Amino acid sequence: MSRMTNFIMGVIGIGLMAIFVLGLSQSISTGFAGFWGGFPFMCIAIFVLILALYNFYEETIRKDD
């Protein structure tokens, strides 16, 4: 795929994943578990999103053809 196609698909994919994971984290934190019950999941979710952003950077911006 072209570099522009990878960039567009990566932005769409990370955006959808971020909406899902952060929405799930917010739902857990405001529900029965409470803030401290959902806090470990929130930390893991943020770490996973950082890893996804790093992989996006490595594959689209930094990668040399």
N, C-alpha and C. Protein backbone atom coordinates (compact mmCIF):
# COMPACT_ATOMS: atom_id res chain seq x y z
N MET A 1 0.84 -1.17 0.00
CA MET A 1 0.00 0.00 0.00
C MET A 1 0.88 1.24 0.00
N SER A 2 0.32 2.31 -0.48
CA SER A 2 1.09 3.55 -0.52
C SER A 2 1.22 4.14 0.88
N ARG A 3 2.14 5.04 1.01
CA ARG A 3 2.39 5.68 2.31
C ARG A 3 1.16 6.47 2.78
N MET A 4 0.47 7.15 1.88
CA MET A 4 -0.71 7.92 2.25
C MET A 4 -1.85 7.01 2.69
N THR A 5 -2.02 5.88 2.02
CA THR A 5 -3.07 4.93 2.40
C THR A 5 -2.78 4.36 3.80
N ASN A 6 -1.53 4.02 4.07
CA ASN A 6 -1.16 3.54 5.40
C ASN A 6 -1.44 4.60 6.46
N PHE A 7 -1.14 5.84 6.16
CA PHE A 7 -1.37 6.93 7.11
C PHE A 7 -2.86 7.10 7.41
N ILE A 8 -3.68 7.13 6.37
CA ILE A 8 -5.12 7.32 6.54
C ILE A 8 -5.73 6.15 7.30
N MET A 9 -5.40 4.93 6.91
CA MET A 9 -5.93 3.75 7.60
C MET A 9 -5.45 3.69 9.05
N GLY A 10 -4.22 4.08 9.29
CA GLY A 10 -3.70 4.10 10.66
C GLY A 10 -4.43 5.10 11.53
N VAL A 11 -4.68 6.28 11.01
CA VAL A 11 -5.41 7.30 11.77
C VAL A 11 -6.83 6.83 12.08
N ILE A 12 -7.49 6.25 11.09
CA ILE A 12 -8.86 5.75 11.31
C ILE A 12 -8.84 4.62 12.34
N GLY A 13 -7.91 3.68 12.19
CA GLY A 13 -7.84 2.55 13.11
C GLY A 13 -7.54 2.95 14.54
N ILE A 14 -6.55 3.83 14.72
CA ILE A 14 -6.21 4.28 16.06
C ILE A 14 -7.35 5.10 16.65
N GLY A 15 -8.00 5.89 15.84
CA GLY A 15 -9.13 6.67 16.33
C GLY A 15 -10.26 5.79 16.83
N LEU A 16 -10.62 4.78 16.05
CA LEU A 16 -11.69 3.87 16.48
C LEU A 16 -11.29 3.07 17.72
N MET A 17 -10.04 2.61 17.75
CA MET A 17 -9.58 1.87 18.92
C MET A 17 -9.57 2.75 20.16
N ALA A 18 -9.13 4.00 20.02
CA ALA A 18 -9.08 4.92 21.16
C ALA A 18 -10.48 5.21 21.68
N ILE A 19 -11.42 5.43 20.78
CA ILE A 19 -12.80 5.69 21.20
C ILE A 19 -13.35 4.49 21.97
N PHE A 20 -13.12 3.29 21.46
CA PHE A 20 -13.62 2.09 22.12
C PHE A 20 -12.98 1.87 23.48
N VAL A 21 -11.66 1.91 23.54
CA VAL A 21 -10.95 1.58 24.78
C VAL A 21 -11.19 2.67 25.84
N LEU A 22 -11.14 3.93 25.45
CA LEU A 22 -11.38 4.99 26.43
C LEU A 22 -12.84 5.02 26.88
N GLY A 23 -13.76 4.71 25.98
CA GLY A 23 -15.17 4.61 26.36
C GLY A 23 -15.40 3.46 27.32
N LEU A 24 -14.76 2.34 27.06
CA LEU A 24 -14.86 1.20 27.97
C LEU A 24 -14.27 1.53 29.33
N SER A 25 -13.14 2.21 29.34
CA SER A 25 -12.51 2.62 30.59
C SER A 25 -13.41 3.57 31.37
N GLN A 26 -14.01 4.51 30.69
CA GLN A 26 -14.91 5.46 31.35
C GLN A 26 -16.14 4.74 31.89
N SER A 27 -16.64 3.79 31.14
CA SER A 27 -17.81 3.03 31.57
C SER A 27 -17.50 2.20 32.82
N ILE A 28 -16.34 1.59 32.87
CA ILE A 28 -15.96 0.80 34.04
C ILE A 28 -15.77 1.71 35.25
N SER A 29 -15.14 2.87 35.04
CA SER A 29 -14.85 3.76 36.16
C SER A 29 -16.10 4.41 36.74
N THR A 30 -17.10 4.67 35.93
CA THR A 30 -18.31 5.31 36.45
C THR A 30 -19.36 4.31 36.88
N GLY A 31 -19.14 3.05 36.60
CA GLY A 31 -20.11 2.02 36.95
C GLY A 31 -19.87 1.45 38.33
N PHE A 32 -20.15 0.20 38.45
CA PHE A 32 -20.09 -0.50 39.74
C PHE A 32 -18.69 -0.50 40.34
N ALA A 33 -17.65 -0.55 39.52
CA ALA A 33 -16.29 -0.66 40.03
C ALA A 33 -15.82 0.64 40.69
N GLY A 34 -16.33 1.76 40.27
CA GLY A 34 -15.88 3.04 40.80
C GLY A 34 -14.54 3.43 40.22
N PHE A 35 -14.08 4.61 40.61
CA PHE A 35 -12.82 5.11 40.03
C PHE A 35 -11.65 4.21 40.34
N TRP A 36 -11.48 3.84 41.61
CA TRP A 36 -10.30 3.04 41.98
C TRP A 36 -10.39 1.62 41.45
N GLY A 37 -11.58 1.12 41.22
CA GLY A 37 -11.72 -0.21 40.63
C GLY A 37 -11.39 -0.21 39.15
N GLY A 38 -11.67 0.90 38.47
CA GLY A 38 -11.38 1.01 37.04
C GLY A 38 -10.03 1.60 36.73
N PHE A 39 -9.34 2.08 37.76
CA PHE A 39 -8.04 2.72 37.56
C PHE A 39 -6.99 1.80 36.93
N PRO A 40 -6.84 0.55 37.37
CA PRO A 40 -5.85 -0.33 36.72
C PRO A 40 -6.15 -0.53 35.23
N PHE A 41 -7.43 -0.69 34.88
CA PHE A 41 -7.77 -0.85 33.47
C PHE A 41 -7.45 0.42 32.70
N MET A 42 -7.71 1.58 33.31
CA MET A 42 -7.42 2.84 32.64
C MET A 42 -5.93 2.98 32.36
N CYS A 43 -5.09 2.59 33.32
CA CYS A 43 -3.64 2.66 33.12
C CYS A 43 -3.20 1.73 31.99
N ILE A 44 -3.73 0.53 31.97
CA ILE A 44 -3.39 -0.42 30.91
C ILE A 44 -3.88 0.10 29.56
N ALA A 45 -5.08 0.66 29.51
CA ALA A 45 -5.64 1.18 28.26
C ALA A 45 -4.79 2.32 27.72
N ILE A 46 -4.34 3.21 28.58
CA ILE A 46 -3.49 4.32 28.14
C ILE A 46 -2.15 3.80 27.63
N PHE A 47 -1.58 2.82 28.31
CA PHE A 47 -0.32 2.23 27.87
C PHE A 47 -0.46 1.57 26.50
N VAL A 48 -1.55 0.86 26.29
CA VAL A 48 -1.79 0.20 25.00
C VAL A 48 -1.97 1.24 23.89
N LEU A 49 -2.65 2.33 24.17
CA LEU A 49 -2.81 3.39 23.17
C LEU A 49 -1.47 4.05 22.84
N ILE A 50 -0.62 4.21 23.84
CA ILE A 50 0.73 4.75 23.57
C ILE A 50 1.51 3.80 22.68
N LEU A 51 1.41 2.49 22.94
CA LEU A 51 2.09 1.51 22.09
C LEU A 51 1.56 1.54 20.66
N ALA A 52 0.24 1.70 20.51
CA ALA A 52 -0.36 1.77 19.18
C ALA A 52 0.11 3.02 18.44
N LEU A 53 0.19 4.13 19.15
CA LEU A 53 0.68 5.37 18.52
C LEU A 53 2.15 5.24 18.12
N TYR A 54 2.95 4.59 18.93
CA TYR A 54 4.35 4.38 18.59
C TYR A 54 4.50 3.49 17.36
N ASN A 55 3.70 2.43 17.29
CA ASN A 55 3.73 1.55 16.13
C ASN A 55 3.28 2.30 14.87
N PHE A 56 2.26 3.14 15.02
CA PHE A 56 1.80 3.96 13.89
C PHE A 56 2.93 4.87 13.41
N TYR A 57 3.63 5.49 14.35
CA TYR A 57 4.75 6.36 14.01
C TYR A 57 5.85 5.58 13.29
N GLU A 58 6.18 4.41 13.81
CA GLU A 58 7.24 3.59 13.21
C GLU A 58 6.88 3.14 11.80
N GLU A 59 5.63 2.77 11.57
CA GLU A 59 5.23 2.19 10.29
C GLU A 59 4.90 3.23 9.23
N THR A 60 4.51 4.42 9.61
CA THR A 60 4.09 5.37 8.59
C THR A 60 5.02 6.56 8.45
N ILE A 61 5.47 7.12 9.54
CA ILE A 61 6.24 8.36 9.46
C ILE A 61 7.74 8.09 9.37
N ARG A 62 8.24 7.20 10.20
CA ARG A 62 9.67 6.96 10.28
C ARG A 62 10.18 5.96 9.25
N LYS A 63 9.32 5.12 8.75
CA LYS A 63 9.73 4.04 7.85
C LYS A 63 10.25 4.61 6.52
N ASP A 64 11.42 4.13 6.13
CA ASP A 64 12.00 4.52 4.85
C ASP A 64 11.66 3.49 3.79
N ASP A 65 11.27 3.96 2.63
CA ASP A 65 10.95 3.03 1.52
C ASP A 65 12.18 2.59 0.78
